[in-house]
Protein backbone atom coordinates (compact mmCIF):
# COMPACT_ATOMS: atom_id res chain seq x y z
CA MET A 1 0.00 0.00 0.00
CA ASN A 2 1.50 3.33 -1.06
CA ILE A 3 1.43 6.06 1.57
CA MET A 4 1.64 9.83 1.56
CA PRO A 5 5.36 10.68 1.45
CA ASN A 6 6.86 12.46 4.44
CA LYS A 7 10.24 12.79 6.16
CA TYR A 8 9.97 9.27 7.61
CA ARG A 9 9.03 7.36 4.47
CA THR A 10 8.33 7.82 0.80
CA ILE A 11 6.80 4.35 0.46
CA ASP A 12 5.83 1.51 2.78
CA CYS A 13 7.80 -1.68 3.37
CA GLY A 14 5.50 -3.86 1.30
CA SER A 15 5.34 -2.01 -2.00
CA LEU A 16 8.78 -1.92 -3.65
CA ARG A 17 9.18 -4.07 -6.78
CA LEU A 18 11.59 -4.54 -9.68
CA ASN A 19 10.15 -1.51 -11.48
CA ASN A 20 11.44 0.62 -8.57
CA VAL A 21 15.11 -0.38 -9.14
CA PHE A 22 17.51 2.63 -9.09
CA GLU A 23 14.89 4.80 -7.34
CA LYS A 24 15.84 6.51 -4.08
CA HIS A 25 13.42 5.87 -1.19
CA THR A 26 13.03 6.32 2.55
CA LEU A 27 11.60 3.48 4.63
CA SER A 28 10.72 3.37 8.32
CA GLY A 29 9.77 0.41 10.44
CA PHE A 30 10.75 -2.22 13.00
CA VAL A 31 13.87 -4.36 12.71
CA ASP A 32 12.43 -7.81 12.09
CA ALA A 33 15.69 -9.73 11.55
CA ILE A 34 19.44 -9.06 11.41
CA ARG A 35 22.08 -11.05 9.55
CA LYS A 36 25.77 -10.14 9.22
CA LEU A 37 27.94 -11.28 6.34
CA GLY A 38 31.47 -10.02 6.58
CA GLY A 39 31.29 -6.29 7.02
CA ILE A 40 27.83 -6.04 5.49
CA THR A 41 24.65 -6.20 7.58
CA PHE A 42 21.35 -7.39 6.14
CA VAL A 43 18.23 -6.16 7.94
CA VAL A 44 14.62 -7.13 7.30
CA LEU A 45 12.58 -3.99 7.96
CA ARG A 46 8.90 -4.46 8.85
CA ASP A 47 5.96 -2.08 8.99
CA PHE A 48 2.20 -2.68 8.98
CA TYR A 49 2.16 -3.25 5.21
CA GLY A 50 5.03 -5.66 4.69
CA LYS A 51 8.77 -6.32 4.83
CA THR A 52 11.78 -5.21 2.80
CA GLN A 53 15.40 -6.33 2.99
CA VAL A 54 17.77 -3.45 3.73
CA VAL A 55 21.53 -3.67 3.12
CA LEU A 56 23.80 -1.71 5.46
CA PRO A 57 27.25 -1.30 3.80
CA GLU A 58 30.45 -1.38 5.84
CA ASN A 59 30.63 2.44 5.98
CA ILE A 60 27.35 2.59 7.98
CA ASN A 61 28.19 1.93 11.60
CA CYS A 62 24.91 1.22 13.37
CA GLU A 63 24.36 -1.19 16.27
CA LEU A 64 20.88 -2.62 15.94
CA ASN A 65 18.64 -4.86 18.01
CA LYS A 66 15.54 -6.67 16.93
CA GLU A 67 12.46 -4.42 17.18
CA ASP A 68 14.47 -1.20 17.02
CA VAL A 69 12.50 1.41 15.08
CA ILE A 70 14.65 2.97 12.37
CA CYS A 71 14.43 5.22 9.32
CA VAL A 72 16.52 4.20 6.29
CA LYS A 73 17.36 6.24 3.22
CA GLY A 74 18.84 4.48 0.20
CA GLU A 75 18.58 3.21 -3.35
CA VAL A 76 16.56 0.25 -4.59
CA ARG A 77 18.46 -2.46 -6.39
CA GLU A 78 17.71 -5.94 -7.71
CA ARG A 79 18.65 -8.74 -5.32
CA SER A 80 21.24 -11.23 -6.50
CA SER A 81 19.68 -13.86 -4.22
CA LYS A 82 15.93 -13.46 -4.49
CA ASN A 83 13.41 -14.54 -1.84
CA PRO A 84 10.22 -15.94 -3.44
CA ASN A 85 8.52 -16.01 -0.02
CA MET A 86 8.51 -12.20 0.25
CA PRO A 87 6.41 -9.99 -2.06
CA THR A 88 9.40 -7.62 -2.05
CA GLY A 89 11.86 -10.50 -2.44
CA ASP A 90 13.17 -9.39 -5.84
CA ILE A 91 14.66 -6.15 -4.52
CA GLU A 92 16.51 -4.65 -1.59
CA LEU A 93 17.24 -1.14 -0.35
CA VAL A 94 20.94 -0.27 -0.10
CA ALA A 95 21.16 2.19 2.77
CA SER A 96 23.00 5.50 2.59
CA LYS A 97 21.74 6.73 5.95
CA VAL A 98 20.14 5.10 9.01
CA THR A 99 18.40 7.09 11.76
CA MET A 100 17.37 5.56 15.09
CA LEU A 101 13.75 6.52 15.85
CA GLY A 102 12.98 4.26 18.79
CA LYS A 103 15.57 2.09 20.55
CA ASN A 104 14.54 -1.32 21.92
CA GLU A 105 16.30 -1.21 25.28
CA ASN A 106 14.99 -4.52 26.61
CA VAL A 107 15.37 -8.24 26.06
CA LEU A 108 12.23 -9.33 24.25
CA PRO A 109 9.92 -11.42 26.49
CA PHE A 110 9.27 -13.68 23.49
CA GLU A 111 10.06 -13.94 19.81
CA ILE A 112 7.45 -11.95 17.90
CA LYS A 113 7.05 -14.61 15.21
CA GLN A 114 6.41 -17.33 17.80
CA SER A 115 4.15 -15.37 20.15
CA GLN A 116 1.20 -17.72 19.52
CA ASP A 117 3.12 -20.45 21.33
CA VAL A 118 3.71 -18.34 24.44
CA ASN A 119 1.80 -18.48 27.74
CA GLU A 120 -1.42 -16.49 27.30
CA ASP A 121 -0.95 -14.13 30.24
CA LEU A 122 2.56 -13.26 29.02
CA ARG A 123 1.18 -12.53 25.55
CA LEU A 124 -1.56 -10.33 26.99
CA LYS A 125 0.85 -8.50 29.32
CA TYR A 126 2.92 -7.56 26.28
CA ARG A 127 -0.01 -7.39 23.87
CA TYR A 128 1.55 -4.42 22.03
CA LEU A 129 4.42 -6.76 21.08
CA ASP A 130 2.12 -9.68 20.30
CA LEU A 131 0.15 -7.46 17.91
CA ARG A 132 3.33 -6.83 15.89
CA ALA A 133 3.18 -10.41 14.61
CA ASP A 134 1.92 -10.84 11.05
CA TYR A 135 -1.00 -13.08 12.01
CA ASN A 136 -2.29 -10.47 14.46
CA LYS A 137 -1.88 -7.64 11.98
CA ASN A 138 -3.82 -9.72 9.47
CA MET A 139 -6.52 -10.27 12.09
CA LEU A 140 -6.82 -6.53 12.77
CA LYS A 141 -7.00 -5.82 9.04
CA LEU A 142 -9.66 -8.48 8.51
CA ARG A 143 -11.64 -7.17 11.46
CA SER A 144 -11.57 -3.65 10.04
CA ASP A 145 -12.50 -4.85 6.55
CA LEU A 146 -15.36 -7.00 7.87
CA MET A 147 -16.76 -4.14 9.94
CA LEU A 148 -16.70 -1.83 6.93
CA PHE A 149 -18.25 -4.54 4.73
CA VAL A 150 -21.15 -5.03 7.16
CA ARG A 151 -21.73 -1.29 7.46
CA ASN A 152 -21.81 -0.81 3.70
CA PHE A 153 -24.05 -3.85 3.18
CA MET A 154 -26.62 -2.76 5.76
CA ASN A 155 -26.51 0.83 4.56
CA ASN A 156 -27.20 -0.32 0.99
CA LEU A 157 -30.28 -2.18 2.26
CA GLY A 158 -31.62 1.02 3.77
CA PHE A 159 -30.75 0.32 7.41
CA LEU A 160 -30.07 3.38 9.55
CA GLU A 161 -27.04 3.16 11.86
CA VAL A 162 -27.90 4.46 15.35
CA GLN A 163 -25.69 4.38 18.46
CA THR A 164 -27.54 3.39 21.64
CA PRO A 165 -26.45 4.22 25.23
CA ILE A 166 -23.60 2.49 27.05
CA LEU A 167 -24.90 3.45 30.51
CA THR A 168 -28.41 2.14 31.07
CA ALA A 169 -30.60 0.48 33.70
CA SER A 170 -30.12 -3.01 35.11
CA SER A 171 -32.79 -5.55 34.15
CA PRO A 172 -33.79 -8.80 35.89
CA GLU A 173 -33.04 -11.13 33.00
CA GLY A 174 -30.15 -12.56 31.08
CA ALA A 175 -26.57 -12.76 32.38
CA ARG A 176 -25.09 -10.75 35.24
CA ASP A 177 -24.79 -7.02 34.64
CA PHE A 178 -21.68 -4.93 35.06
CA LEU A 179 -22.81 -2.22 37.48
CA VAL A 180 -21.56 1.37 37.55
CA PRO A 181 -22.26 3.44 40.71
CA SER A 182 -23.74 6.90 40.23
CA ARG A 183 -21.94 9.83 41.90
CA LEU A 184 -24.91 12.17 41.54
CA ASN A 185 -27.50 9.61 42.64
CA PRO A 186 -26.30 7.97 45.86
CA GLY A 187 -27.15 4.30 46.19
CA LYS A 188 -28.16 3.96 42.55
CA PHE A 189 -26.36 2.20 39.73
CA TYR A 190 -26.14 2.19 35.98
CA ALA A 191 -25.62 -1.06 34.12
CA LEU A 192 -23.54 -1.61 31.00
CA PRO A 193 -25.88 -3.01 28.32
CA GLN A 194 -25.91 -6.77 27.75
CA ALA A 195 -27.38 -5.90 24.34
CA PRO A 196 -29.19 -2.87 22.86
CA GLN A 197 -32.46 -4.84 23.13
CA GLN A 198 -34.78 -2.27 24.66
CA PHE A 199 -33.31 0.68 22.80
CA LYS A 200 -33.68 -0.89 19.38
CA GLN A 201 -37.30 -1.71 20.15
CA LEU A 202 -37.79 1.89 21.26
CA LEU A 203 -36.35 3.01 17.93
CA MET A 204 -39.06 0.99 16.20
CA THR A 205 -41.71 2.74 18.31
CA SER A 206 -40.02 6.02 17.34
CA GLY A 207 -40.75 5.40 13.69
CA VAL A 208 -37.29 4.21 12.57
CA ASP A 209 -38.02 1.63 9.90
CA LYS A 210 -34.76 -0.36 9.78
CA TYR A 211 -31.98 0.03 12.35
CA PHE A 212 -28.53 -1.49 12.79
CA GLN A 213 -25.28 -0.89 14.64
CA ILE A 214 -22.12 -2.79 15.49
CA ALA A 215 -22.69 -2.51 19.20
CA PRO A 216 -20.47 -3.17 22.23
CA CYS A 217 -22.20 -5.52 24.69
CA PHE A 218 -21.19 -6.33 28.26
CA ARG A 219 -21.93 -9.48 30.22
CA ASP A 220 -20.37 -10.68 33.46
CA GLU A 221 -20.03 -14.32 32.44
CA ASP A 222 -17.49 -17.08 32.82
CA ALA A 223 -15.10 -17.32 29.90
CA ARG A 224 -15.28 -20.07 27.29
CA ALA A 225 -13.22 -20.67 24.20
CA ASP A 226 -15.96 -19.02 22.12
CA ARG A 227 -17.08 -16.41 24.67
CA SER A 228 -15.36 -13.34 26.06
CA PRO A 229 -15.89 -13.00 29.82
CA THR A 230 -16.54 -9.26 29.77
CA GLU A 231 -17.39 -7.61 26.47
CA PHE A 232 -18.03 -8.41 22.84
CA TYR A 233 -19.35 -6.76 19.69
CA GLN A 234 -22.68 -7.54 18.09
CA ILE A 235 -24.11 -6.82 14.64
CA ASP A 236 -27.48 -5.61 15.87
CA MET A 237 -30.49 -5.04 13.64
CA GLU A 238 -34.24 -4.48 13.88
CA MET A 239 -37.01 -4.00 11.32
CA SER A 240 -40.49 -2.49 11.62
CA PHE A 241 -43.52 -3.98 9.85
CA ALA A 242 -41.52 -7.13 9.18
CA THR A 243 -41.83 -10.86 9.77
CA GLN A 244 -39.44 -13.64 10.74
CA GLU A 245 -39.06 -14.55 7.07
CA GLU A 246 -37.86 -11.08 6.18
CA VAL A 247 -35.24 -11.16 8.95
CA PHE A 248 -34.06 -14.52 7.62
CA SER A 249 -33.82 -13.11 4.10
CA VAL A 250 -31.66 -10.15 5.22
CA ILE A 251 -29.39 -12.28 7.41
CA GLU A 252 -28.94 -15.02 4.79
CA SER A 253 -28.04 -12.42 2.18
CA LEU A 254 -25.58 -10.73 4.58
CA TYR A 255 -23.89 -13.96 5.67
CA ALA A 256 -23.72 -15.39 2.15
CA SER A 257 -22.00 -12.19 1.01
CA ILE A 258 -19.62 -12.17 4.01
CA PHE A 259 -18.50 -15.77 3.50
CA GLU A 260 -18.14 -15.28 -0.25
CA ARG A 261 -15.99 -12.18 0.28
CA PHE A 262 -13.88 -13.31 3.24
CA ALA A 263 -13.85 -17.13 3.02
CA GLY A 264 -14.17 -17.61 -0.74
CA LYS A 265 -17.29 -19.77 -0.30
CA ARG A 266 -20.83 -18.52 -0.82
CA PRO A 267 -23.23 -20.75 1.10
CA ALA A 268 -26.43 -21.90 -0.56
CA THR A 269 -29.57 -20.10 0.55
CA PRO A 270 -32.06 -20.46 2.11
CA PHE A 271 -30.27 -22.05 5.06
CA LYS A 272 -31.53 -25.30 6.51
CA ARG A 273 -34.02 -25.06 9.38
CA LEU A 274 -34.46 -27.28 12.44
CA THR A 275 -36.97 -26.87 15.20
CA TYR A 276 -35.54 -26.68 18.69
CA ALA A 277 -37.35 -29.93 19.53
CA ASP A 278 -35.86 -31.77 16.54
CA ALA A 279 -32.37 -30.44 17.24
CA MET A 280 -32.53 -31.63 20.84
CA ARG A 281 -33.96 -34.99 19.79
CA ASP A 282 -31.44 -35.76 17.04
CA TYR A 283 -28.31 -33.99 18.33
CA CYS A 284 -28.90 -33.25 22.04
CA SER A 285 -27.93 -29.66 21.31
CA ASP A 286 -29.60 -26.44 20.24
CA LYS A 287 -26.40 -25.56 18.37
CA PRO A 288 -25.46 -28.76 16.52
CA ASP A 289 -22.48 -28.90 14.20
CA LEU A 290 -24.14 -30.41 11.13
CA ARG A 291 -20.83 -31.07 9.43
CA ASN A 292 -20.84 -34.06 11.77
CA PRO A 293 -23.24 -36.70 10.34
CA LEU A 294 -23.70 -38.59 13.63
CA LYS A 295 -27.12 -38.59 15.27
CA VAL A 296 -28.27 -39.32 18.80
CA TYR A 297 -31.05 -41.81 19.52
CA ASP A 298 -33.11 -42.22 22.67
CA VAL A 299 -33.06 -45.93 23.57
CA THR A 300 -34.46 -45.61 27.08
CA GLU A 301 -37.59 -47.57 26.26
CA ILE A 302 -35.70 -50.30 24.42
CA LEU A 303 -33.18 -50.85 27.21
CA SER A 304 -35.39 -50.08 30.22
CA ASN A 305 -35.18 -53.72 31.36
CA CYS A 306 -31.52 -54.23 30.45
CA GLU A 307 -29.52 -55.94 33.20
CA PHE A 308 -26.62 -53.49 32.88
CA ASN A 309 -26.65 -51.64 36.22
CA ALA A 310 -25.67 -48.23 34.86
CA PHE A 311 -28.84 -48.18 32.73
CA LYS A 312 -31.31 -48.88 35.52
CA GLY A 313 -33.52 -45.93 36.38
CA ASN A 314 -31.71 -43.64 33.93
CA GLN A 315 -32.38 -42.14 30.53
CA ILE A 316 -30.22 -43.75 27.84
CA LYS A 317 -28.90 -42.19 24.63
CA ALA A 318 -27.12 -44.06 21.84
CA ILE A 319 -24.83 -42.99 18.99
CA LYS A 320 -23.92 -45.28 16.11
CA ALA A 321 -20.51 -44.69 14.49
CA ASN A 322 -18.42 -46.75 12.11
CA CYS A 323 -15.18 -47.19 14.04
CA GLY A 324 -13.76 -49.99 11.88
CA ASP A 325 -10.89 -51.78 13.58
CA LYS A 326 -10.19 -49.18 16.29
CA GLY A 327 -8.41 -50.82 19.23
CA ARG A 328 -8.97 -50.78 22.96
CA LYS A 329 -6.95 -47.58 23.43
CA PHE A 330 -9.48 -45.69 21.31
CA TYR A 331 -12.39 -46.76 23.51
CA ASP A 332 -10.48 -46.23 26.74
CA ALA A 333 -9.53 -42.71 25.65
CA LEU A 334 -13.16 -41.91 24.87
CA THR A 335 -14.22 -43.22 28.27
CA GLU A 336 -11.61 -41.10 30.06
CA PHE A 337 -12.63 -38.07 28.01
CA LEU A 338 -16.25 -38.43 29.08
CA LYS A 339 -15.24 -38.94 32.70
CA SER A 340 -13.27 -35.69 32.51
CA ARG A 341 -16.57 -34.06 31.56
CA GLU A 342 -18.17 -35.46 34.75
CA ALA A 343 -19.80 -38.52 33.17
CA LYS A 344 -19.69 -41.76 35.15
CA GLY A 345 -18.44 -43.73 32.16
CA LEU A 346 -19.13 -44.92 28.64
CA ALA A 347 -20.75 -48.16 27.50
CA TYR A 348 -20.52 -49.61 24.00
CA VAL A 349 -20.99 -52.68 21.85
CA ARG A 350 -19.33 -53.48 18.52
CA VAL A 351 -21.05 -55.06 15.54
CA ALA A 352 -19.15 -58.12 14.28
CA GLU A 353 -18.91 -59.25 10.65
CA ASN A 354 -21.79 -61.67 11.23
CA GLY A 355 -23.98 -58.88 12.59
CA GLU A 356 -23.80 -60.04 16.19
CA LEU A 357 -23.01 -57.66 19.04
CA GLU A 358 -19.67 -58.24 20.74
CA THR A 359 -17.35 -56.79 23.39
CA GLY A 360 -18.31 -54.06 25.83
CA ILE A 361 -21.77 -54.66 27.30
CA ALA A 362 -22.91 -57.08 24.57
CA LYS A 363 -23.63 -59.85 27.11
CA TYR A 364 -26.26 -57.66 28.79
CA VAL A 365 -28.23 -56.99 25.58
CA SER A 366 -30.97 -59.54 24.90
CA GLN A 367 -31.90 -60.77 21.44
CA GLN A 368 -35.15 -58.81 21.58
CA GLU A 369 -33.30 -55.63 22.59
CA LYS A 370 -30.76 -56.21 19.84
CA LEU A 371 -33.49 -56.45 17.19
CA ALA A 372 -35.13 -53.27 18.47
CA LEU A 373 -31.79 -51.45 18.38
CA LYS A 374 -31.15 -52.65 14.82
CA ASN A 375 -34.56 -51.43 13.66
CA LEU A 376 -33.89 -48.01 15.15
CA LEU A 377 -30.16 -47.53 14.44
CA LYS A 378 -29.82 -49.60 11.23
CA PHE A 379 -26.37 -50.77 12.33
CA SER A 380 -24.08 -53.01 10.28
CA ALA A 381 -20.68 -54.72 10.51
CA GLY A 382 -17.91 -52.37 11.66
CA ASP A 383 -20.27 -50.11 13.57
CA THR A 384 -19.95 -49.37 17.26
CA ILE A 385 -22.94 -48.34 19.33
CA PHE A 386 -22.05 -46.01 22.19
CA PHE A 387 -24.34 -45.52 25.18
CA VAL A 388 -24.50 -42.82 27.83
CA ALA A 389 -26.95 -42.99 30.73
CA ASP A 390 -27.90 -40.55 33.47
CA ASN A 391 -30.73 -38.24 34.46
CA LYS A 392 -32.49 -36.23 31.75
CA GLU A 393 -30.33 -33.12 32.00
CA LYS A 394 -26.97 -34.86 32.26
CA VAL A 395 -27.57 -37.49 29.59
CA ILE A 396 -28.29 -34.75 27.05
CA LYS A 397 -25.04 -33.00 27.97
CA PHE A 398 -22.98 -36.21 27.75
CA ALA A 399 -24.53 -37.30 24.44
CA ASP A 400 -23.71 -33.90 22.93
CA VAL A 401 -20.11 -34.06 24.20
CA LEU A 402 -19.71 -37.63 22.93
CA ARG A 403 -21.12 -36.83 19.49
CA ASN A 404 -18.74 -33.90 19.05
CA GLU A 405 -15.72 -35.90 20.24
CA LEU A 406 -16.53 -38.83 17.95
CA GLY A 407 -16.83 -36.43 15.03
CA LYS A 408 -13.28 -35.20 15.73
CA LYS A 409 -11.70 -38.58 16.54
CA LEU A 410 -13.17 -40.25 13.46
CA ASN A 411 -12.31 -37.32 11.15
CA LEU A 412 -15.94 -36.86 10.18
CA ILE A 413 -15.76 -33.07 10.15
CA ASP A 414 -14.43 -31.11 7.18
CA GLU A 415 -12.68 -28.17 8.86
CA ASN A 416 -12.76 -26.19 5.61
CA GLU A 417 -16.54 -26.30 5.29
CA PHE A 418 -19.20 -24.03 6.78
CA ASN A 419 -22.60 -25.40 7.69
CA PHE A 420 -25.49 -23.03 8.41
CA VAL A 421 -28.73 -23.97 10.15
CA TRP A 422 -31.57 -21.97 11.66
CA ILE A 423 -32.84 -23.30 14.98
CA VAL A 424 -36.45 -22.15 15.31
CA ASP A 425 -39.47 -22.50 17.60
CA PHE A 426 -37.68 -22.22 20.92
CA PRO A 427 -39.72 -22.88 24.07
CA PHE A 428 -40.96 -19.64 25.59
CA PHE A 429 -40.58 -20.83 29.19
CA GLU A 430 -38.54 -23.39 31.09
CA LEU A 431 -38.08 -24.49 34.69
CA ASP A 432 -35.24 -22.82 36.57
CA ASP A 433 -32.98 -24.50 39.12
CA GLU A 434 -35.65 -24.05 41.78
CA GLY A 435 -38.37 -25.63 39.66
CA LYS A 436 -40.07 -22.31 38.92
CA ILE A 437 -41.23 -21.12 35.50
CA ALA A 438 -38.71 -18.74 33.89
CA PHE A 439 -38.09 -17.21 30.48
CA SER A 440 -35.99 -19.59 28.43
CA HIS A 441 -34.57 -17.23 25.81
CA ASN A 442 -35.88 -13.68 25.52
CA PRO A 443 -38.73 -12.16 27.55
CA PHE A 444 -39.51 -9.58 24.88
CA SER A 445 -40.44 -12.17 22.25
CA LEU A 446 -43.82 -12.93 20.77
CA PRO A 447 -45.35 -16.29 21.72
CA GLN A 448 -46.68 -18.38 18.85
CA PRO A 449 -49.90 -19.60 20.49
CA SER A 450 -52.57 -17.34 21.95
CA LEU A 451 -52.16 -15.92 25.46
CA GLU A 452 -54.84 -18.31 26.68
CA GLU A 453 -52.89 -21.30 25.34
CA VAL A 454 -49.69 -20.01 26.94
CA LYS A 455 -51.39 -19.63 30.31
CA ALA A 456 -52.91 -23.09 30.06
CA ASP A 457 -49.58 -24.81 29.33
CA PRO A 458 -46.59 -22.43 29.66
CA LEU A 459 -43.91 -25.09 29.32
CA ASN A 460 -45.22 -26.21 25.93
CA ALA A 461 -45.55 -22.69 24.54
CA LYS A 462 -43.22 -21.89 21.65
CA ALA A 463 -41.89 -18.47 20.73
CA TYR A 464 -40.97 -16.74 17.52
CA GLN A 465 -37.33 -17.02 18.53
CA TYR A 466 -34.48 -18.22 16.36
CA ASP A 467 -30.74 -18.81 16.38
CA LEU A 468 -28.39 -19.11 13.44
CA VAL A 469 -25.85 -21.86 14.10
CA ILE A 470 -22.63 -22.18 12.09
CA ASN A 471 -20.37 -25.19 12.62
CA GLY A 472 -21.76 -25.76 16.11
CA TYR A 473 -21.48 -22.12 17.23
CA GLU A 474 -24.45 -19.90 17.96
CA SER A 475 -23.67 -17.04 15.61
CA LEU A 476 -26.90 -15.07 15.88
CA SER A 477 -29.99 -14.88 18.05
CA GLY A 478 -33.21 -13.06 17.35
CA ALA A 479 -36.96 -12.96 17.63
CA VAL A 480 -40.22 -11.47 16.53
CA ARG A 481 -40.90 -9.00 19.32
CA ASN A 482 -43.94 -8.55 21.46
CA HIS A 483 -45.20 -4.99 20.89
CA SER A 484 -48.18 -5.05 23.30
CA ARG A 485 -47.74 -3.89 26.88
CA GLU A 486 -50.79 -5.85 28.04
CA LEU A 487 -49.27 -9.03 26.64
CA MET A 488 -45.89 -8.14 28.16
CA VAL A 489 -47.44 -7.80 31.63
CA GLU A 490 -49.26 -11.14 31.31
CA LEU A 491 -46.15 -12.98 30.12
CA PHE A 492 -44.04 -11.59 32.96
CA LYS A 493 -46.74 -12.67 35.41
CA ILE A 494 -46.33 -16.26 34.22
CA ALA A 495 -42.60 -15.96 34.99
CA GLY A 496 -43.35 -14.69 38.50
CA TYR A 497 -43.01 -10.92 37.98
CA ASP A 498 -45.98 -8.69 38.82
CA LYS A 499 -46.99 -5.59 36.92
CA SER A 500 -44.93 -3.29 39.14
CA VAL A 501 -41.71 -5.09 38.12
CA VAL A 502 -42.47 -4.49 34.44
CA GLU A 503 -43.35 -0.84 35.10
CA ASN A 504 -40.21 -0.23 37.19
CA LYS A 505 -37.65 -2.32 35.32
CA PHE A 506 -38.83 -1.64 31.76
CA PRO A 507 -40.56 1.76 32.06
CA ALA A 508 -39.49 2.98 28.63
CA LEU A 509 -40.87 -0.01 26.73
CA TYR A 510 -43.96 -0.26 28.91
CA ASN A 511 -44.88 3.38 28.32
CA ALA A 512 -43.80 3.48 24.68
CA PHE A 513 -46.05 0.58 23.75
CA SER A 514 -49.06 2.51 25.08
CA TYR A 515 -48.53 5.16 22.37
CA GLY A 516 -48.79 2.64 19.55
CA ALA A 517 -45.97 0.38 18.39
CA PRO A 518 -45.53 -1.32 15.02
CA PRO A 519 -44.89 -5.06 14.71
CA HIS A 520 -41.13 -5.51 14.64
CA CYS A 521 -38.44 -8.17 14.75
CA GLY A 522 -34.70 -8.45 14.51
CA ALA A 523 -31.53 -10.16 15.63
CA GLY A 524 -28.10 -9.74 17.14
CA ALA A 525 -25.11 -11.50 15.56
CA GLY A 526 -21.82 -12.02 17.37
CA PHE A 527 -19.15 -10.10 15.48
CA ASP A 528 -16.21 -11.65 17.35
CA ARG A 529 -17.59 -15.17 16.91
CA LEU A 530 -18.00 -14.48 13.21
CA MET A 531 -14.32 -13.49 13.14
CA MET A 532 -13.48 -16.78 14.88
CA LEU A 533 -15.23 -18.76 12.17
CA LEU A 534 -13.68 -16.84 9.28
CA THR A 535 -10.16 -17.21 10.69
CA HIS A 536 -10.63 -20.84 11.89
CA ASN A 537 -9.60 -19.80 15.41
CA GLU A 538 -10.46 -21.91 18.43
CA PHE A 539 -10.31 -19.03 20.91
CA ILE A 540 -12.32 -15.83 20.67
CA ARG A 541 -9.53 -13.96 22.48
CA ASP A 542 -7.35 -14.38 19.38
CA VAL A 543 -9.63 -12.17 17.25
CA ILE A 544 -9.91 -9.28 19.74
CA ALA A 545 -7.30 -6.53 19.79
CA PHE A 546 -7.07 -6.24 23.58
CA PRO A 547 -8.84 -9.22 25.16
CA MET A 548 -9.24 -10.22 28.78
CA ASN A 549 -7.84 -13.54 29.95
CA LYS A 550 -10.03 -16.47 31.02
CA ASN A 551 -10.39 -14.94 34.50
CA GLY A 552 -11.75 -11.66 33.14
CA CYS A 553 -8.47 -9.84 33.87
CA ASP A 554 -6.21 -7.75 31.64
CA PRO A 555 -2.51 -8.36 32.44
CA LEU A 556 -1.62 -5.38 30.23
CA THR A 557 -3.44 -2.70 32.27
CA ASN A 558 -3.92 -4.72 35.48
CA ALA A 559 -7.70 -4.39 35.15
CA PRO A 560 -9.70 -4.82 37.28
CA ASN A 561 -7.71 -2.98 39.94
CA THR A 562 -8.29 -1.29 43.29
CA VAL A 563 -9.21 2.37 43.69
CA ASP A 564 -8.47 4.72 46.57
CA GLU A 565 -10.88 5.63 49.35
CA LYS A 566 -11.65 9.05 47.88
CA ALA A 567 -12.79 7.51 44.60
CA LEU A 568 -15.04 5.12 46.52
CA ARG A 569 -16.50 7.93 48.66
CA ASP A 570 -17.27 9.95 45.52
CA VAL A 571 -19.60 7.18 44.34
CA HIS A 572 -20.91 6.40 47.83
CA ILE A 573 -19.34 2.94 48.04
CA GLN A 574 -17.95 1.27 51.15
CA LEU A 575 -16.17 -2.05 50.75
CA LEU A 576 -17.09 -4.91 53.06
CA LYS A 577 -14.18 -6.36 55.01
CA GLU A 578 -13.57 -10.05 54.43
């Protein structure tokens, strides 16, 4: 990329080519590598745009360290020994003058090129060095390009970009809020928004027809590989006078264009759809990776009288997989893996060449049970049938974990493919840990049945709620919204909140709906998770410029940190002594 010439550089370190030979240029950048040959020093100079080899003749006396920042004036010449692995590998700059701009006075805590292999906290402590690595610069460039692409795409569809507040009110749903004490209002707190949910609905009541923003969201959650423990960015959108189908059409068009532009693969549209019930039945997950062909079967009824002790009184799930001639180590490793995920163990039987069941728990399976299993699973020679058993909640978890692990161990998943599926018809309510009715997904959604049907059987009520799942990751979540305050009050009552809670916790929505609100729906898509997928990264922290570690701490700035007593008094806070 050519840059505007100035006293530090006339061109960047990635642009010189053979047609620049004999030209005089000034380059500035970081010393990436140093090699001495006799009295001549060869330096690879690096800036954001690339690298160029610089030759320091014997008459230039300059002591350099890696990562020194220097300015070099000289003449471009053709290299006698070309480097095909560098875009600038046909040329080099023969220096006539070198100026030190920023001396590296320290021993590097790690080699920049190998920073991905370094302990995470060390990388994050020296994140400014880690970001110098090519793969991180490429990530930052991709992130910038993707953000611009999304903005242009949504703008071209007529969506209006609106920024919603960062300081807002705490609400009694979702994850834990990050609270901010108010100096001017003693004893009261702001909350950082978990999502712009209420504000985007208020924009619809304000007459905005189509809204979007790339919004910062804050949730006090435990970290996971695919989830930041503090903050993330969301492609947020909402549409007035629209239906679920229109949201799907916009999102499918956006995602197809994104993956065509940034992954070189345009997915076929419309995307596949699965009801929540079918996804849980066949995959024991509401975010199944459909690149994996394995399915889960409920065999509780078939094996309810089986003499194997671990099955008695439990729900039983089975997965059929062709494991060929895998040995005992394979099965033992799977068992230990499941145990590490808190399962009690793993049972299995293998299907012999003659179709009989052998090894594992085969001796406990009766002929009648075997025939019933064959009718359901359609197994054949070389197959292994795996069983997990426990209570309803745990057996679903273990079957999901086992299915995913088998997909990896048996190389059933094409890591270069992207599989898209809509999960639709989520349950509106569920039972919480105390056995009480609670919202399962989003309290502002529209139920599919009538209010009377919801009241009669809340746990069977479905909502116009949907997730977009890509390769086993929830990439987007959305819903058709409820736009009636009477309905909102009644739905919150079912979840145990009286009218006063709705009026006090959601006063803006409650009042706005009384002035007339259009039907509206929308979605929020995880921007960082989308980056993860496009870059084939396992950890979301690797696609964020300045991430927190898994404990929600930043070794670079020492956040969170303590504050002095005066700062606490200003916001009317007194810390409890342990």
